[in-house]
């Protein structure tokens, strides 16, 4: 398995829980966790992911639309806020 910075199939997602303020960081495998769709005539990748931190039992849900180059077009986080989503380590 490749390391964080060398994994071409990975995006890194960070969200902050609105309840306990914990920052939850997780890997998104672009090969298996994104689905293709068309939004307003534009090809997009869709991410739907549920996250649970270690400080509280609040379940966070991330819904994001990504361009074919995997840049974020729009996002919504239920139960928290997006800190970052991208290839960074």
C-alpha atoms as a PDB file:
ATOM      1  CA  UNK A   1       0.000   0.000   0.000  1.00  0.00           C
ATOM      2  CA  UNK A   2       1.349   3.417  -0.906  1.00  0.00           C
ATOM      3  CA  UNK A   3       2.025   6.199   1.557  1.00  0.00           C
ATOM      4  CA  UNK A   4      -0.215   9.230   1.897  1.00  0.00           C
ATOM      5  CA  UNK A   5       1.628  11.531  -0.473  1.00  0.00           C
ATOM      6  CA  UNK A   6       2.327   8.882  -3.132  1.00  0.00           C
ATOM      7  CA  UNK A   7      -1.141   7.398  -3.553  1.00  0.00           C
ATOM      8  CA  UNK A   8      -2.538   8.682  -6.864  1.00  0.00           C
ATOM      9  CA  UNK A   9      -5.970   7.180  -6.140  1.00  0.00           C
ATOM     10  CA  UNK A  10      -6.422   9.023  -2.832  1.00  0.00           C
ATOM     11  CA  UNK A  11      -8.067  12.236  -1.768  1.00  0.00           C
ATOM     12  CA  UNK A  12      -7.876  13.354   1.851  1.00  0.00           C
ATOM     13  CA  UNK A  13     -11.012  14.617   3.543  1.00  0.00           C
ATOM     14  CA  UNK A  14     -11.049  16.647   6.758  1.00  0.00           C
ATOM     15  CA  UNK A  15     -14.238  17.756   8.477  1.00  0.00           C
ATOM     16  CA  UNK A  16     -14.864  19.445  11.829  1.00  0.00           C
ATOM     17  CA  UNK A  17     -17.667  18.118  14.016  1.00  0.00           C
ATOM     18  CA  UNK A  18     -20.045  20.936  14.994  1.00  0.00           C
ATOM     19  CA  UNK A  19     -20.780  19.238  18.307  1.00  0.00           C
ATOM     20  CA  UNK A  20     -17.322  18.532  19.767  1.00  0.00           C
ATOM     21  CA  UNK A  21     -15.092  20.443  17.271  1.00  0.00           C
ATOM     22  CA  UNK A  22     -12.963  17.341  16.574  1.00  0.00           C
ATOM     23  CA  UNK A  23     -11.292  17.348  13.160  1.00  0.00           C
ATOM     24  CA  UNK A  24     -11.823  13.980  11.500  1.00  0.00           C
ATOM     25  CA  UNK A  25      -9.421  13.040   8.704  1.00  0.00           C
ATOM     26  CA  UNK A  26     -10.031  10.155   6.342  1.00  0.00           C
ATOM     27  CA  UNK A  27      -8.891   8.825   2.990  1.00  0.00           C
ATOM     28  CA  UNK A  28     -11.200   8.746  -0.032  1.00  0.00           C
ATOM     29  CA  UNK A  29     -10.325   6.121  -2.642  1.00  0.00           C
ATOM     30  CA  UNK A  30     -11.223   7.768  -5.958  1.00  0.00           C
ATOM     31  CA  UNK A  31     -11.489   4.383  -7.684  1.00  0.00           C
ATOM     32  CA  UNK A  32     -14.265   3.049  -5.445  1.00  0.00           C
ATOM     33  CA  UNK A  33     -15.834   5.845  -3.375  1.00  0.00           C
ATOM     34  CA  UNK A  34     -16.831   8.287  -6.121  1.00  0.00           C
ATOM     35  CA  UNK A  35     -19.686   7.750  -8.535  1.00  0.00           C
ATOM     36  CA  UNK A  36     -20.035   9.416 -11.920  1.00  0.00           C
ATOM     37  CA  UNK A  37     -23.051  11.589 -12.647  1.00  0.00           C
ATOM     38  CA  UNK A  38     -24.169  14.501 -14.807  1.00  0.00           C
ATOM     39  CA  UNK A  39     -25.208  17.768 -13.136  1.00  0.00           C
ATOM     40  CA  UNK A  40     -26.554  20.606 -15.321  1.00  0.00           C
ATOM     41  CA  UNK A  41     -25.016  18.964 -18.395  1.00  0.00           C
ATOM     42  CA  UNK A  42     -21.586  18.731 -16.741  1.00  0.00           C
ATOM     43  CA  UNK A  43     -19.851  15.460 -15.889  1.00  0.00           C
ATOM     44  CA  UNK A  44     -19.173  15.271 -12.145  1.00  0.00           C
ATOM     45  CA  UNK A  45     -17.955  12.818  -9.529  1.00  0.00           C
ATOM     46  CA  UNK A  46     -20.156  12.466  -6.443  1.00  0.00           C
ATOM     47  CA  UNK A  47     -18.868  11.681  -2.960  1.00  0.00           C
ATOM     48  CA  UNK A  48     -21.243  10.556  -0.209  1.00  0.00           C
ATOM     49  CA  UNK A  49     -19.442   9.536   2.954  1.00  0.00           C
ATOM     50  CA  UNK A  50     -20.421   9.110   6.606  1.00  0.00           C
ATOM     51  CA  UNK A  51     -17.873   9.785   9.330  1.00  0.00           C
ATOM     52  CA  UNK A  52     -17.771   9.182  13.068  1.00  0.00           C
ATOM     53  CA  UNK A  53     -15.073  10.673  15.251  1.00  0.00           C
ATOM     54  CA  UNK A  54     -13.676   9.482  18.562  1.00  0.00           C
ATOM     55  CA  UNK A  55     -14.805  12.318  20.868  1.00  0.00           C
ATOM     56  CA  UNK A  56     -18.580  12.054  20.495  1.00  0.00           C
ATOM     57  CA  UNK A  57     -21.187   9.922  18.777  1.00  0.00           C
ATOM     58  CA  UNK A  58     -22.338  12.505  16.226  1.00  0.00           C
ATOM     59  CA  UNK A  59     -22.511  11.036  12.724  1.00  0.00           C
ATOM     60  CA  UNK A  60     -21.341  13.428  10.007  1.00  0.00           C
ATOM     61  CA  UNK A  61     -22.391  13.076   6.383  1.00  0.00           C
ATOM     62  CA  UNK A  62     -20.400  14.595   3.517  1.00  0.00           C
ATOM     63  CA  UNK A  63     -21.939  15.148   0.088  1.00  0.00           C
ATOM     64  CA  UNK A  64     -19.623  16.718  -2.491  1.00  0.00           C
ATOM     65  CA  UNK A  65     -19.658  17.269  -6.237  1.00  0.00           C
ATOM     66  CA  UNK A  66     -16.223  17.118  -7.853  1.00  0.00           C
ATOM     67  CA  UNK A  67     -15.092  18.113 -11.335  1.00  0.00           C
ATOM     68  CA  UNK A  68     -13.359  15.488 -13.513  1.00  0.00           C
ATOM     69  CA  UNK A  69     -10.014  16.909 -12.275  1.00  0.00           C
ATOM     70  CA  UNK A  70     -11.316  16.230  -8.713  1.00  0.00           C
ATOM     71  CA  UNK A  71     -11.558  19.886  -7.705  1.00  0.00           C
ATOM     72  CA  UNK A  72     -14.517  20.632  -5.422  1.00  0.00           C
ATOM     73  CA  UNK A  73     -17.510  22.171  -7.217  1.00  0.00           C
ATOM     74  CA  UNK A  74     -19.865  22.138  -4.228  1.00  0.00           C
ATOM     75  CA  UNK A  75     -20.162  20.445  -0.861  1.00  0.00           C
ATOM     76  CA  UNK A  76     -22.469  19.981   2.093  1.00  0.00           C
ATOM     77  CA  UNK A  77     -21.563  18.560   5.487  1.00  0.00           C
ATOM     78  CA  UNK A  78     -24.393  17.528   7.783  1.00  0.00           C
ATOM     79  CA  UNK A  79     -23.287  17.791  11.407  1.00  0.00           C
ATOM     80  CA  UNK A  80     -20.092  19.680  10.709  1.00  0.00           C
ATOM     81  CA  UNK A  81     -18.054  21.743   8.301  1.00  0.00           C
ATOM     82  CA  UNK A  82     -15.534  20.973   5.588  1.00  0.00           C
ATOM     83  CA  UNK A  83     -11.936  21.751   6.530  1.00  0.00           C
ATOM     84  CA  UNK A  84     -10.294  20.382   3.376  1.00  0.00           C
ATOM     85  CA  UNK A  85     -10.756  17.940   0.523  1.00  0.00           C
ATOM     86  CA  UNK A  86      -7.933  17.295  -1.888  1.00  0.00           C
ATOM     87  CA  UNK A  87      -4.714  15.499  -2.673  1.00  0.00           C
ATOM     88  CA  UNK A  88      -2.700  17.150   0.094  1.00  0.00           C
ATOM     89  CA  UNK A  89      -0.908  15.085   2.690  1.00  0.00           C
END
